[in-house]
């Protein structure tokens, strides 16, 4: 997993929920939610995102 969210560039911490996309890129849940309100692709690789997201804690 990446150590930083590529949207906000902040480090992942234990208190924040992380989303892992099908392409295996990870983001803070809130950052990705905001991103997906405007776009339908991964911020890094531009892969089209389906409706299935895996949400985990960073622990």
PDB file of N, CA and C in Angstrom:
ATOM      1  N   UNK A   1       0.838  -1.172   0.000  1.00  0.00           N
ATOM      2  CA  UNK A   1       0.000   0.000   0.000  1.00  0.00           C
ATOM      3  C   UNK A   1       0.887   1.240   0.000  1.00  0.00           C
ATOM      4  N   UNK A   2       0.408   2.288  -0.672  1.00  0.00           N
ATOM      5  CA  UNK A   2       1.104   3.572  -0.644  1.00  0.00           C
ATOM      6  C   UNK A   2       1.158   4.063   0.791  1.00  0.00           C
ATOM      7  N   UNK A   3       2.120   4.890   1.114  1.00  0.00           N
ATOM      8  CA  UNK A   3       2.209   5.464   2.458  1.00  0.00           C
ATOM      9  C   UNK A   3       1.487   6.796   2.560  1.00  0.00           C
ATOM     10  N   UNK A   4       1.179   7.407   1.408  1.00  0.00           N
ATOM     11  CA  UNK A   4       0.496   8.697   1.361  1.00  0.00           C
ATOM     12  C   UNK A   4      -0.702   8.623   0.424  1.00  0.00           C
ATOM     13  N   UNK A   5      -1.681   9.436   0.716  1.00  0.00           N
ATOM     14  CA  UNK A   5      -2.823   9.589  -0.172  1.00  0.00           C
ATOM     15  C   UNK A   5      -2.377  10.459  -1.349  1.00  0.00           C
ATOM     16  N   UNK A   6      -2.568   9.993  -2.545  1.00  0.00           N
ATOM     17  CA  UNK A   6      -2.134  10.744  -3.719  1.00  0.00           C
ATOM     18  C   UNK A   6      -3.021  11.931  -4.053  1.00  0.00           C
ATOM     19  N   UNK A   7      -4.144  12.042  -3.386  1.00  0.00           N
ATOM     20  CA  UNK A   7      -5.024  13.181  -3.622  1.00  0.00           C
ATOM     21  C   UNK A   7      -4.631  14.358  -2.726  1.00  0.00           C
ATOM     22  N   UNK A   8      -4.518  14.119  -1.419  1.00  0.00           N
ATOM     23  CA  UNK A   8      -4.189  15.210  -0.494  1.00  0.00           C
ATOM     24  C   UNK A   8      -2.710  15.224  -0.104  1.00  0.00           C
ATOM     25  N   UNK A   9      -1.995  14.167  -0.448  1.00  0.00           N
ATOM     26  CA  UNK A   9      -0.565  14.010  -0.175  1.00  0.00           C
ATOM     27  C   UNK A   9      -0.240  13.830   1.311  1.00  0.00           C
ATOM     28  N   UNK A  10      -1.257  13.611   2.142  1.00  0.00           N
ATOM     29  CA  UNK A  10      -1.053  13.377   3.572  1.00  0.00           C
ATOM     30  C   UNK A  10      -0.766  11.896   3.819  1.00  0.00           C
ATOM     31  N   UNK A  11      -0.032  11.626   4.886  1.00  0.00           N
ATOM     32  CA  UNK A  11       0.297  10.270   5.268  1.00  0.00           C
ATOM     33  C   UNK A  11      -0.947   9.546   5.790  1.00  0.00           C
ATOM     34  N   UNK A  12      -1.013   8.232   5.558  1.00  0.00           N
ATOM     35  CA  UNK A  12      -2.080   7.431   6.128  1.00  0.00           C
ATOM     36  C   UNK A  12      -1.807   7.246   7.617  1.00  0.00           C
ATOM     37  N   UNK A  13      -2.846   7.380   8.425  1.00  0.00           N
ATOM     38  CA  UNK A  13      -2.718   7.180   9.865  1.00  0.00           C
ATOM     39  C   UNK A  13      -3.711   6.124  10.313  1.00  0.00           C
ATOM     40  N   UNK A  14      -3.556   5.634  11.528  1.00  0.00           N
ATOM     41  CA  UNK A  14      -4.410   4.577  12.049  1.00  0.00           C
ATOM     42  C   UNK A  14      -5.857   5.015  12.244  1.00  0.00           C
ATOM     43  N   UNK A  15      -6.097   6.307  12.397  1.00  0.00           N
ATOM     44  CA  UNK A  15      -7.436   6.800  12.681  1.00  0.00           C
ATOM     45  C   UNK A  15      -8.278   7.035  11.437  1.00  0.00           C
ATOM     46  N   UNK A  16      -7.696   6.975  10.269  1.00  0.00           N
ATOM     47  CA  UNK A  16      -8.372   7.334   9.022  1.00  0.00           C
ATOM     48  C   UNK A  16      -8.709   6.075   8.225  1.00  0.00           C
ATOM     49  N   UNK A  17      -9.909   6.047   7.632  1.00  0.00           N
ATOM     50  CA  UNK A  17     -10.283   4.932   6.767  1.00  0.00           C
ATOM     51  C   UNK A  17      -9.647   5.106   5.395  1.00  0.00           C
ATOM     52  N   UNK A  18      -9.197   3.985   4.848  1.00  0.00           N
ATOM     53  CA  UNK A  18      -8.500   3.961   3.565  1.00  0.00           C
ATOM     54  C   UNK A  18      -9.347   3.185   2.560  1.00  0.00           C
ATOM     55  N   UNK A  19      -9.430   3.676   1.346  1.00  0.00           N
ATOM     56  CA  UNK A  19     -10.104   2.959   0.260  1.00  0.00           C
ATOM     57  C   UNK A  19      -9.054   2.415  -0.682  1.00  0.00           C
ATOM     58  N   UNK A  20      -9.197   1.151  -1.041  1.00  0.00           N
ATOM     59  CA  UNK A  20      -8.329   0.552  -2.041  1.00  0.00           C
ATOM     60  C   UNK A  20      -9.171   0.262  -3.268  1.00  0.00           C
ATOM     61  N   UNK A  21      -8.770   0.828  -4.382  1.00  0.00           N
ATOM     62  CA  UNK A  21      -9.491   0.622  -5.633  1.00  0.00           C
ATOM     63  C   UNK A  21      -9.107  -0.709  -6.265  1.00  0.00           C
ATOM     64  N   UNK A  22      -9.856  -1.121  -7.264  1.00  0.00           N
ATOM     65  CA  UNK A  22      -9.567  -2.372  -7.978  1.00  0.00           C
ATOM     66  C   UNK A  22      -8.170  -2.387  -8.580  1.00  0.00           C
ATOM     67  N   UNK A  23      -7.651  -1.221  -8.904  1.00  0.00           N
ATOM     68  CA  UNK A  23      -6.313  -1.100  -9.485  1.00  0.00           C
ATOM     69  C   UNK A  23      -5.219  -1.149  -8.412  1.00  0.00           C
ATOM     70  N   UNK A  24      -5.624  -1.309  -7.152  1.00  0.00           N
ATOM     71  CA  UNK A  24      -4.733  -1.454  -6.000  1.00  0.00           C
ATOM     72  C   UNK A  24      -4.154  -0.139  -5.495  1.00  0.00           C
ATOM     73  N   UNK A  25      -4.620   1.014  -5.980  1.00  0.00           N
ATOM     74  CA  UNK A  25      -4.193   2.303  -5.448  1.00  0.00           C
ATOM     75  C   UNK A  25      -5.072   2.643  -4.251  1.00  0.00           C
ATOM     76  N   UNK A  26      -4.471   3.268  -3.236  1.00  0.00           N
ATOM     77  CA  UNK A  26      -5.163   3.550  -1.977  1.00  0.00           C
ATOM     78  C   UNK A  26      -5.248   5.045  -1.703  1.00  0.00           C
ATOM     79  N   UNK A  27      -6.368   5.441  -1.088  1.00  0.00           N
ATOM     80  CA  UNK A  27      -6.632   6.839  -0.788  1.00  0.00           C
ATOM     81  C   UNK A  27      -7.393   6.942   0.520  1.00  0.00           C
ATOM     82  N   UNK A  28      -7.356   8.132   1.145  1.00  0.00           N
ATOM     83  CA  UNK A  28      -8.251   8.384   2.268  1.00  0.00           C
ATOM     84  C   UNK A  28      -9.680   8.302   1.738  1.00  0.00           C
ATOM     85  N   UNK A  29     -10.568   7.747   2.523  1.00  0.00           N
ATOM     86  CA  UNK A  29     -11.967   7.621   2.108  1.00  0.00           C
ATOM     87  C   UNK A  29     -12.557   8.979   1.725  1.00  0.00           C
ATOM     88  N   UNK A  30     -12.369   9.987   2.573  1.00  0.00           N
ATOM     89  CA  UNK A  30     -12.950  11.312   2.305  1.00  0.00           C
ATOM     90  C   UNK A  30     -12.367  11.956   1.046  1.00  0.00           C
ATOM     91  N   UNK A  31     -11.078  11.774   0.817  1.00  0.00           N
ATOM     92  CA  UNK A  31     -10.446  12.340  -0.385  1.00  0.00           C
ATOM     93  C   UNK A  31     -11.007  11.678  -1.639  1.00  0.00           C
ATOM     94  N   UNK A  32     -11.116  10.358  -1.610  1.00  0.00           N
ATOM     95  CA  UNK A  32     -11.617   9.637  -2.779  1.00  0.00           C
ATOM     96  C   UNK A  32     -13.089   9.950  -3.018  1.00  0.00           C
ATOM     97  N   UNK A  33     -13.862  10.078  -1.949  1.00  0.00           N
ATOM     98  CA  UNK A  33     -15.280  10.415  -2.085  1.00  0.00           C
ATOM     99  C   UNK A  33     -15.440  11.751  -2.811  1.00  0.00           C
ATOM    100  N   UNK A  34     -14.643  12.732  -2.433  1.00  0.00           N
ATOM    101  CA  UNK A  34     -14.674  14.041  -3.086  1.00  0.00           C
ATOM    102  C   UNK A  34     -14.245  13.930  -4.549  1.00  0.00           C
ATOM    103  N   UNK A  35     -13.177  13.184  -4.799  1.00  0.00           N
ATOM    104  CA  UNK A  35     -12.673  12.975  -6.163  1.00  0.00           C
ATOM    105  C   UNK A  35     -13.750  12.327  -7.039  1.00  0.00           C
ATOM    106  N   UNK A  36     -14.391  11.278  -6.522  1.00  0.00           N
ATOM    107  CA  UNK A  36     -15.369  10.532  -7.313  1.00  0.00           C
ATOM    108  C   UNK A  36     -16.670  11.297  -7.532  1.00  0.00           C
ATOM    109  N   UNK A  37     -16.889  12.347  -6.770  1.00  0.00           N
ATOM    110  CA  UNK A  37     -18.055  13.196  -7.018  1.00  0.00           C
ATOM    111  C   UNK A  37     -17.901  13.954  -8.340  1.00  0.00           C
ATOM    112  N   UNK A  38     -16.653  14.111  -8.780  1.00  0.00           N
ATOM    113  CA  UNK A  38     -16.368  14.849 -10.010  1.00  0.00           C
ATOM    114  C   UNK A  38     -15.895  13.976 -11.165  1.00  0.00           C
ATOM    115  N   UNK A  39     -15.319  12.804 -10.837  1.00  0.00           N
ATOM    116  CA  UNK A  39     -14.703  11.951 -11.862  1.00  0.00           C
ATOM    117  C   UNK A  39     -15.041  10.487 -11.591  1.00  0.00           C
ATOM    118  N   UNK A  40     -14.785   9.633 -12.561  1.00  0.00           N
ATOM    119  CA  UNK A  40     -15.052   8.204 -12.381  1.00  0.00           C
ATOM    120  C   UNK A  40     -13.814   7.357 -12.641  1.00  0.00           C
ATOM    121  N   UNK A  41     -12.645   7.928 -12.388  1.00  0.00           N
ATOM    122  CA  UNK A  41     -11.412   7.192 -12.654  1.00  0.00           C
ATOM    123  C   UNK A  41     -10.436   7.334 -11.495  1.00  0.00           C
ATOM    124  N   UNK A  42      -9.493   6.421 -11.427  1.00  0.00           N
ATOM    125  CA  UNK A  42      -8.442   6.461 -10.414  1.00  0.00           C
ATOM    126  C   UNK A  42      -7.573   7.700 -10.643  1.00  0.00           C
ATOM    127  N   UNK A  43      -7.248   8.440  -9.588  1.00  0.00           N
ATOM    128  CA  UNK A  43      -6.409   9.634  -9.746  1.00  0.00           C
ATOM    129  C   UNK A  43      -5.006   9.343 -10.279  1.00  0.00           C
ATOM    130  N   UNK A  44      -4.490   8.142 -10.047  1.00  0.00           N
ATOM    131  CA  UNK A  44      -3.131   7.828 -10.489  1.00  0.00           C
ATOM    132  C   UNK A  44      -3.108   7.231 -11.889  1.00  0.00           C
ATOM    133  N   UNK A  45      -3.845   6.154 -12.107  1.00  0.00           N
ATOM    134  CA  UNK A  45      -3.719   5.422 -13.375  1.00  0.00           C
ATOM    135  C   UNK A  45      -4.878   5.651 -14.344  1.00  0.00           C
ATOM    136  N   UNK A  46      -5.871   6.417 -13.917  1.00  0.00           N
ATOM    137  CA  UNK A  46      -7.032   6.764 -14.746  1.00  0.00           C
ATOM    138  C   UNK A  46      -7.912   5.562 -15.117  1.00  0.00           C
ATOM    139  N   UNK A  47      -7.758   4.438 -14.411  1.00  0.00           N
ATOM    140  CA  UNK A  47      -8.617   3.279 -14.641  1.00  0.00           C
ATOM    141  C   UNK A  47     -10.045   3.634 -14.263  1.00  0.00           C
ATOM    142  N   UNK A  48     -11.001   3.256 -15.107  1.00  0.00           N
ATOM    143  CA  UNK A  48     -12.403   3.492 -14.796  1.00  0.00           C
ATOM    144  C   UNK A  48     -12.767   2.679 -13.557  1.00  0.00           C
ATOM    145  N   UNK A  49     -13.479   3.290 -12.641  1.00  0.00           N
ATOM    146  CA  UNK A  49     -13.781   2.653 -11.357  1.00  0.00           C
ATOM    147  C   UNK A  49     -15.203   2.124 -11.368  1.00  0.00           C
ATOM    148  N   UNK A  50     -15.354   0.866 -10.953  1.00  0.00           N
ATOM    149  CA  UNK A  50     -16.692   0.302 -10.818  1.00  0.00           C
ATOM    150  C   UNK A  50     -17.287   0.776  -9.501  1.00  0.00           C
ATOM    151  N   UNK A  51     -18.453   0.292  -9.154  1.00  0.00           N
ATOM    152  CA  UNK A  51     -19.120   0.728  -7.937  1.00  0.00           C
ATOM    153  C   UNK A  51     -18.612   0.015  -6.694  1.00  0.00           C
ATOM    154  N   UNK A  52     -17.725  -0.953  -6.834  1.00  0.00           N
ATOM    155  CA  UNK A  52     -17.224  -1.705  -5.694  1.00  0.00           C
ATOM    156  C   UNK A  52     -15.917  -1.119  -5.202  1.00  0.00           C
ATOM    157  N   UNK A  53     -15.898  -0.682  -3.935  1.00  0.00           N
ATOM    158  CA  UNK A  53     -14.693  -0.182  -3.294  1.00  0.00           C
ATOM    159  C   UNK A  53     -14.423  -0.995  -2.042  1.00  0.00           C
ATOM    160  N   UNK A  54     -13.176  -1.215  -1.749  1.00  0.00           N
ATOM    161  CA  UNK A  54     -12.792  -1.896  -0.518  1.00  0.00           C
ATOM    162  C   UNK A  54     -12.320  -0.846   0.471  1.00  0.00           C
ATOM    163  N   UNK A  55     -13.011  -0.731   1.597  1.00  0.00           N
ATOM    164  CA  UNK A  55     -12.652   0.247   2.624  1.00  0.00           C
ATOM    165  C   UNK A  55     -12.039  -0.489   3.799  1.00  0.00           C
ATOM    166  N   UNK A  56     -10.867  -0.053   4.223  1.00  0.00           N
ATOM    167  CA  UNK A  56     -10.181  -0.665   5.360  1.00  0.00           C
ATOM    168  C   UNK A  56      -9.618   0.422   6.260  1.00  0.00           C
ATOM    169  N   UNK A  57      -9.263   0.032   7.457  1.00  0.00           N
ATOM    170  CA  UNK A  57      -8.532   0.978   8.305  1.00  0.00           C
ATOM    171  C   UNK A  57      -7.070   0.814   7.968  1.00  0.00           C
ATOM    172  N   UNK A  58      -6.255   1.772   8.307  1.00  0.00           N
ATOM    173  CA  UNK A  58      -4.835   1.708   7.944  1.00  0.00           C
ATOM    174  C   UNK A  58      -4.016   0.907   8.945  1.00  0.00           C
ATOM    175  N   UNK A  59      -4.646   0.263   9.890  1.00  0.00           N
ATOM    176  CA  UNK A  59      -3.922  -0.532  10.895  1.00  0.00           C
ATOM    177  C   UNK A  59      -3.370  -1.785  10.312  1.00  0.00           C
TER     178      UNK A  59
END
